[in-house]
N, C-alpha and C. Protein backbone atom coordinates (compact mmCIF):
# COMPACT_ATOMS: atom_id res chain seq x y z
N GLN A 1 57.92 -41.43 -44.51
CA GLN A 1 56.83 -40.52 -44.84
C GLN A 1 55.59 -40.87 -44.02
N GLY A 2 55.33 -42.11 -43.78
CA GLY A 2 54.17 -42.53 -42.99
C GLY A 2 54.25 -42.00 -41.58
N VAL A 3 55.48 -41.98 -41.02
CA VAL A 3 55.66 -41.46 -39.66
C VAL A 3 55.37 -39.96 -39.66
N ALA A 4 55.85 -39.27 -40.68
CA ALA A 4 55.62 -37.82 -40.77
C ALA A 4 54.14 -37.53 -40.91
N ASP A 5 53.43 -38.34 -41.71
CA ASP A 5 51.97 -38.15 -41.87
C ASP A 5 51.25 -38.42 -40.55
N ALA A 6 51.71 -39.45 -39.86
CA ALA A 6 51.09 -39.79 -38.58
C ALA A 6 51.32 -38.68 -37.57
N ARG A 7 52.56 -38.14 -37.58
CA ARG A 7 52.86 -37.04 -36.65
C ARG A 7 52.02 -35.81 -36.99
N ALA A 8 51.86 -35.55 -38.27
CA ALA A 8 51.04 -34.40 -38.70
C ALA A 8 49.60 -34.63 -38.27
N ARG A 9 49.14 -35.87 -38.44
CA ARG A 9 47.75 -36.20 -38.03
C ARG A 9 47.59 -36.06 -36.52
N VAL A 10 48.56 -36.50 -35.74
CA VAL A 10 48.54 -36.36 -34.28
C VAL A 10 48.51 -34.88 -33.91
N SER A 11 49.33 -34.09 -34.59
CA SER A 11 49.35 -32.64 -34.32
C SER A 11 47.99 -32.02 -34.62
N GLU A 12 47.38 -32.44 -35.72
CA GLU A 12 46.03 -31.92 -36.05
C GLU A 12 45.01 -32.32 -34.99
N LEU A 13 45.11 -33.58 -34.58
CA LEU A 13 44.18 -34.06 -33.53
C LEU A 13 44.41 -33.33 -32.21
N GLU A 14 45.69 -33.13 -31.86
CA GLU A 14 46.00 -32.39 -30.63
C GLU A 14 45.46 -30.96 -30.72
N ALA A 15 45.61 -30.34 -31.88
CA ALA A 15 45.09 -28.97 -32.08
C ALA A 15 43.57 -28.97 -31.98
N ALA A 16 42.94 -30.01 -32.57
CA ALA A 16 41.48 -30.10 -32.51
C ALA A 16 41.02 -30.32 -31.07
N VAL A 17 41.74 -31.17 -30.32
CA VAL A 17 41.40 -31.40 -28.90
C VAL A 17 41.58 -30.11 -28.11
N ALA A 18 42.66 -29.39 -28.36
CA ALA A 18 42.91 -28.12 -27.65
C ALA A 18 41.82 -27.11 -27.98
N GLU A 19 41.41 -27.05 -29.26
CA GLU A 19 40.33 -26.12 -29.65
C GLU A 19 39.02 -26.54 -29.00
N GLY A 20 38.74 -27.85 -28.97
CA GLY A 20 37.53 -28.35 -28.31
C GLY A 20 37.53 -28.00 -26.82
N ALA A 21 38.68 -28.17 -26.17
CA ALA A 21 38.79 -27.85 -24.75
C ALA A 21 38.56 -26.36 -24.52
N ARG A 22 39.12 -25.53 -25.42
CA ARG A 22 38.92 -24.07 -25.29
C ARG A 22 37.45 -23.71 -25.45
N GLN A 23 36.79 -24.33 -26.42
CA GLN A 23 35.36 -24.06 -26.63
C GLN A 23 34.52 -24.52 -25.43
N ILE A 24 34.90 -25.67 -24.87
CA ILE A 24 34.19 -26.17 -23.67
C ILE A 24 34.36 -25.19 -22.52
N GLU A 25 35.58 -24.68 -22.31
CA GLU A 25 35.83 -23.70 -21.25
C GLU A 25 35.01 -22.43 -21.48
N GLU A 26 34.94 -21.97 -22.73
CA GLU A 26 34.14 -20.78 -23.05
C GLU A 26 32.67 -21.03 -22.74
N ARG A 27 32.19 -22.19 -23.14
CA ARG A 27 30.78 -22.52 -22.90
C ARG A 27 30.49 -22.64 -21.41
N GLU A 28 31.42 -23.25 -20.67
CA GLU A 28 31.24 -23.35 -19.22
C GLU A 28 31.22 -21.97 -18.58
N ALA A 29 32.11 -21.09 -19.06
CA ALA A 29 32.14 -19.72 -18.53
C ALA A 29 30.83 -19.00 -18.86
N THR A 30 30.35 -19.18 -20.09
CA THR A 30 29.08 -18.58 -20.50
C THR A 30 27.93 -19.14 -19.67
N LEU A 31 27.95 -20.46 -19.44
CA LEU A 31 26.92 -21.10 -18.63
C LEU A 31 26.96 -20.56 -17.20
N PHE A 32 28.17 -20.42 -16.64
CA PHE A 32 28.32 -19.89 -15.29
C PHE A 32 27.75 -18.47 -15.21
N GLU A 33 28.10 -17.65 -16.21
CA GLU A 33 27.58 -16.27 -16.24
C GLU A 33 26.06 -16.27 -16.36
N ALA A 34 25.52 -17.16 -17.18
CA ALA A 34 24.06 -17.25 -17.33
C ALA A 34 23.40 -17.67 -16.02
N GLU A 35 24.03 -18.63 -15.32
CA GLU A 35 23.49 -19.06 -14.02
C GLU A 35 23.53 -17.91 -13.02
N GLU A 36 24.62 -17.17 -13.01
CA GLU A 36 24.73 -16.02 -12.11
C GLU A 36 23.68 -14.96 -12.46
N ASP A 37 23.50 -14.70 -13.75
CA ASP A 37 22.47 -13.74 -14.19
C ASP A 37 21.08 -14.22 -13.76
N ALA A 38 20.86 -15.52 -13.90
CA ALA A 38 19.56 -16.08 -13.50
C ALA A 38 19.34 -15.90 -12.01
N LYS A 39 20.40 -16.13 -11.22
CA LYS A 39 20.28 -15.93 -9.76
C LYS A 39 19.97 -14.47 -9.43
N LEU A 40 20.66 -13.55 -10.12
CA LEU A 40 20.42 -12.13 -9.89
C LEU A 40 18.99 -11.75 -10.28
N MET A 41 18.52 -12.30 -11.42
CA MET A 41 17.15 -12.00 -11.84
C MET A 41 16.14 -12.57 -10.85
N GLU A 42 16.42 -13.75 -10.33
CA GLU A 42 15.53 -14.36 -9.33
C GLU A 42 15.49 -13.50 -8.07
N MET A 43 16.65 -13.02 -7.63
CA MET A 43 16.70 -12.14 -6.46
C MET A 43 15.93 -10.85 -6.72
N ALA A 44 16.11 -10.28 -7.92
CA ALA A 44 15.39 -9.06 -8.27
C ALA A 44 13.89 -9.31 -8.31
N LEU A 45 13.50 -10.48 -8.83
CA LEU A 45 12.09 -10.83 -8.88
C LEU A 45 11.51 -10.98 -7.47
N GLN A 46 12.26 -11.64 -6.60
CA GLN A 46 11.81 -11.79 -5.21
C GLN A 46 11.68 -10.43 -4.53
N THR A 47 12.66 -9.56 -4.78
CA THR A 47 12.60 -8.21 -4.21
C THR A 47 11.37 -7.48 -4.75
N SER A 48 11.13 -7.64 -6.04
CA SER A 48 9.96 -7.00 -6.65
C SER A 48 8.67 -7.53 -6.03
N HIS A 49 8.60 -8.84 -5.80
CA HIS A 49 7.41 -9.43 -5.17
C HIS A 49 7.23 -8.90 -3.75
N ARG A 50 8.35 -8.77 -3.02
CA ARG A 50 8.26 -8.24 -1.65
C ARG A 50 7.77 -6.80 -1.68
N ARG A 51 8.30 -6.01 -2.63
CA ARG A 51 7.84 -4.62 -2.74
C ARG A 51 6.37 -4.57 -3.10
N GLU A 52 5.96 -5.43 -4.01
CA GLU A 52 4.55 -5.47 -4.40
C GLU A 52 3.68 -5.81 -3.19
N GLU A 53 4.12 -6.78 -2.40
CA GLU A 53 3.37 -7.17 -1.20
C GLU A 53 3.34 -6.01 -0.20
N ASP A 54 4.48 -5.32 -0.05
CA ASP A 54 4.53 -4.16 0.84
C ASP A 54 3.54 -3.09 0.38
N VAL A 55 3.51 -2.84 -0.92
CA VAL A 55 2.59 -1.84 -1.46
C VAL A 55 1.14 -2.27 -1.21
N ARG A 56 0.86 -3.56 -1.43
CA ARG A 56 -0.50 -4.06 -1.16
C ARG A 56 -0.88 -3.85 0.30
N GLU A 57 0.06 -4.17 1.20
CA GLU A 57 -0.21 -3.99 2.63
C GLU A 57 -0.45 -2.51 2.95
N GLN A 58 0.34 -1.63 2.35
CA GLN A 58 0.15 -0.20 2.57
C GLN A 58 -1.21 0.26 2.05
N ILE A 59 -1.61 -0.26 0.89
CA ILE A 59 -2.92 0.08 0.34
C ILE A 59 -4.03 -0.40 1.27
N GLU A 60 -3.89 -1.63 1.79
CA GLU A 60 -4.90 -2.16 2.71
C GLU A 60 -4.98 -1.30 3.97
N LYS A 61 -3.81 -0.93 4.51
CA LYS A 61 -3.79 -0.06 5.70
C LYS A 61 -4.47 1.27 5.40
N PHE A 62 -4.15 1.85 4.23
CA PHE A 62 -4.75 3.12 3.84
C PHE A 62 -6.26 2.99 3.73
N GLU A 63 -6.71 1.89 3.10
CA GLU A 63 -8.16 1.67 2.96
C GLU A 63 -8.82 1.55 4.33
N LEU A 64 -8.16 0.84 5.26
CA LEU A 64 -8.70 0.72 6.62
C LEU A 64 -8.74 2.08 7.31
N GLU A 65 -7.69 2.87 7.11
CA GLU A 65 -7.66 4.21 7.72
C GLU A 65 -8.76 5.08 7.13
N VAL A 66 -8.94 5.02 5.82
CA VAL A 66 -10.01 5.79 5.18
C VAL A 66 -11.36 5.37 5.72
N HIS A 67 -11.56 4.05 5.85
CA HIS A 67 -12.82 3.55 6.39
C HIS A 67 -13.03 4.04 7.82
N ALA A 68 -11.96 3.97 8.62
CA ALA A 68 -12.05 4.44 10.01
C ALA A 68 -12.36 5.94 10.07
N ILE A 69 -11.72 6.70 9.19
CA ILE A 69 -11.96 8.15 9.16
C ILE A 69 -13.41 8.42 8.75
N ARG A 70 -13.87 7.71 7.72
CA ARG A 70 -15.26 7.90 7.28
C ARG A 70 -16.23 7.51 8.39
N SER A 71 -15.93 6.42 9.06
CA SER A 71 -16.80 5.96 10.15
C SER A 71 -16.81 6.99 11.28
N ALA A 72 -15.60 7.44 11.64
CA ALA A 72 -15.51 8.44 12.71
C ALA A 72 -16.19 9.73 12.30
N SER A 73 -16.02 10.10 11.03
CA SER A 73 -16.66 11.32 10.53
C SER A 73 -18.18 11.18 10.60
N GLY A 74 -18.68 10.01 10.19
CA GLY A 74 -20.12 9.77 10.27
C GLY A 74 -20.62 9.82 11.70
N GLN A 75 -19.84 9.20 12.60
CA GLN A 75 -20.23 9.22 14.02
C GLN A 75 -20.17 10.64 14.57
N ALA A 76 -19.13 11.39 14.18
CA ALA A 76 -19.02 12.77 14.64
C ALA A 76 -20.17 13.60 14.09
N SER A 77 -20.51 13.39 12.84
CA SER A 77 -21.63 14.13 12.25
C SER A 77 -22.92 13.80 12.98
N ALA A 78 -23.13 12.52 13.27
CA ALA A 78 -24.34 12.12 14.00
C ALA A 78 -24.35 12.73 15.39
N ALA A 79 -23.20 12.74 16.05
CA ALA A 79 -23.11 13.32 17.38
C ALA A 79 -23.38 14.83 17.33
N LEU A 80 -22.80 15.50 16.33
CA LEU A 80 -23.04 16.94 16.20
C LEU A 80 -24.51 17.21 15.90
N TYR A 81 -25.12 16.42 15.05
CA TYR A 81 -26.53 16.58 14.73
C TYR A 81 -27.37 16.40 15.99
N ALA A 82 -27.01 15.39 16.79
CA ALA A 82 -27.75 15.15 18.04
C ALA A 82 -27.57 16.34 18.99
N GLN A 83 -26.36 16.90 19.06
CA GLN A 83 -26.13 18.06 19.92
C GLN A 83 -26.93 19.26 19.43
N VAL A 84 -26.93 19.48 18.13
CA VAL A 84 -27.70 20.59 17.57
C VAL A 84 -29.19 20.40 17.87
N GLU A 85 -29.66 19.18 17.69
CA GLU A 85 -31.07 18.87 17.96
C GLU A 85 -31.40 19.13 19.43
N ALA A 86 -30.50 18.69 20.33
CA ALA A 86 -30.72 18.90 21.76
C ALA A 86 -30.71 20.40 22.10
N LEU A 87 -29.78 21.15 21.49
CA LEU A 87 -29.74 22.59 21.73
C LEU A 87 -30.99 23.27 21.18
N ALA A 88 -31.47 22.82 20.04
CA ALA A 88 -32.70 23.40 19.47
C ALA A 88 -33.88 23.15 20.40
N GLN A 89 -33.96 21.94 20.95
CA GLN A 89 -35.05 21.64 21.89
C GLN A 89 -34.91 22.46 23.16
N GLU A 90 -33.68 22.63 23.65
CA GLU A 90 -33.45 23.43 24.84
C GLU A 90 -33.83 24.89 24.58
N LEU A 91 -33.46 25.40 23.38
CA LEU A 91 -33.82 26.76 23.02
C LEU A 91 -35.34 26.93 22.96
N GLU A 92 -36.02 25.96 22.37
CA GLU A 92 -37.48 26.01 22.27
C GLU A 92 -38.11 26.01 23.67
N HIS A 93 -37.56 25.18 24.56
CA HIS A 93 -38.05 25.12 25.94
C HIS A 93 -37.85 26.47 26.64
N GLU A 94 -36.66 27.05 26.45
CA GLU A 94 -36.37 28.35 27.07
C GLU A 94 -37.28 29.44 26.51
N GLN A 95 -37.54 29.38 25.19
CA GLN A 95 -38.42 30.38 24.58
C GLN A 95 -39.83 30.28 25.16
N ARG A 96 -40.31 29.03 25.34
CA ARG A 96 -41.64 28.86 25.97
C ARG A 96 -41.64 29.38 27.40
N ALA A 97 -40.55 29.09 28.14
CA ALA A 97 -40.47 29.55 29.53
C ALA A 97 -40.46 31.07 29.59
N VAL A 98 -39.70 31.70 28.67
CA VAL A 98 -39.65 33.16 28.63
C VAL A 98 -41.03 33.72 28.27
N ALA A 99 -41.70 33.08 27.31
CA ALA A 99 -43.03 33.53 26.91
C ALA A 99 -44.01 33.39 28.09
N GLU A 100 -43.90 32.27 28.79
CA GLU A 100 -44.79 32.06 29.95
C GLU A 100 -44.51 33.08 31.04
N ARG A 101 -43.22 33.35 31.30
CA ARG A 101 -42.88 34.34 32.32
C ARG A 101 -43.33 35.73 31.89
N GLY A 102 -43.18 35.99 30.57
CA GLY A 102 -43.63 37.29 30.05
C GLY A 102 -45.14 37.43 30.20
N ALA A 103 -45.88 36.35 29.90
CA ALA A 103 -47.33 36.39 30.04
C ALA A 103 -47.71 36.56 31.51
N ALA A 104 -47.00 35.86 32.40
CA ALA A 104 -47.29 35.98 33.84
C ALA A 104 -46.97 37.40 34.32
N TRP A 105 -45.91 37.95 33.81
CA TRP A 105 -45.55 39.32 34.17
C TRP A 105 -46.60 40.30 33.70
N GLU A 106 -47.03 40.12 32.48
CA GLU A 106 -48.08 40.99 31.95
C GLU A 106 -49.35 40.86 32.77
N ALA A 107 -49.69 39.64 33.15
CA ALA A 107 -50.90 39.42 33.95
C ALA A 107 -50.74 40.07 35.32
N ALA A 108 -49.59 39.91 35.92
CA ALA A 108 -49.35 40.51 37.24
C ALA A 108 -49.36 42.01 37.14
N ARG A 109 -48.81 42.57 36.12
CA ARG A 109 -48.79 44.01 35.93
C ARG A 109 -50.21 44.53 35.71
N GLY A 110 -51.00 43.72 34.97
CA GLY A 110 -52.38 44.12 34.74
C GLY A 110 -53.15 44.13 36.06
N VAL A 111 -52.89 43.16 36.92
CA VAL A 111 -53.57 43.09 38.21
C VAL A 111 -53.12 44.26 39.08
N LEU A 112 -51.82 44.54 39.06
CA LEU A 112 -51.29 45.60 39.88
C LEU A 112 -51.81 46.99 39.41
N GLN A 113 -51.96 47.14 38.14
CA GLN A 113 -52.41 48.40 37.61
C GLN A 113 -53.94 48.51 37.67
N GLY A 114 -54.55 47.37 37.70
CA GLY A 114 -55.96 47.26 37.57
C GLY A 114 -56.87 47.78 38.52
C-alpha cells in the first residue's frame, strides 16, 4: 500500500509539474505578446512624433511664407504708393506747364490782336 501511495503521490506531483510548466508557457506567451505589443506601440508613438514634427515644420514654413507674402505685399503697396505719388507730381507739373503755355498763348494772341 505504501508503494501505491507513493506512486499516487508521484503522479500528483508529475501532474502538478506538468500544470506548472503549462502555466509558465502560457505566461511566457503572454509576456512575448505584451513585448510585441509594446514594440508596436513604441513604433506607433515614434511615427506619431515624426508626424507631429512634420506638421510643426509645415506650420513654420507656412508662417514664413505668410510673413514673406505680407512683407512683399507691404513693399508692393509702398512701391505702388510711390508710383502714384510720382504720377501725381508729374500730372501737377504737366498741368502747370499747360497753364503756362495757355497763358503764353493768350498773351501772344492778345499782342497779335492788339
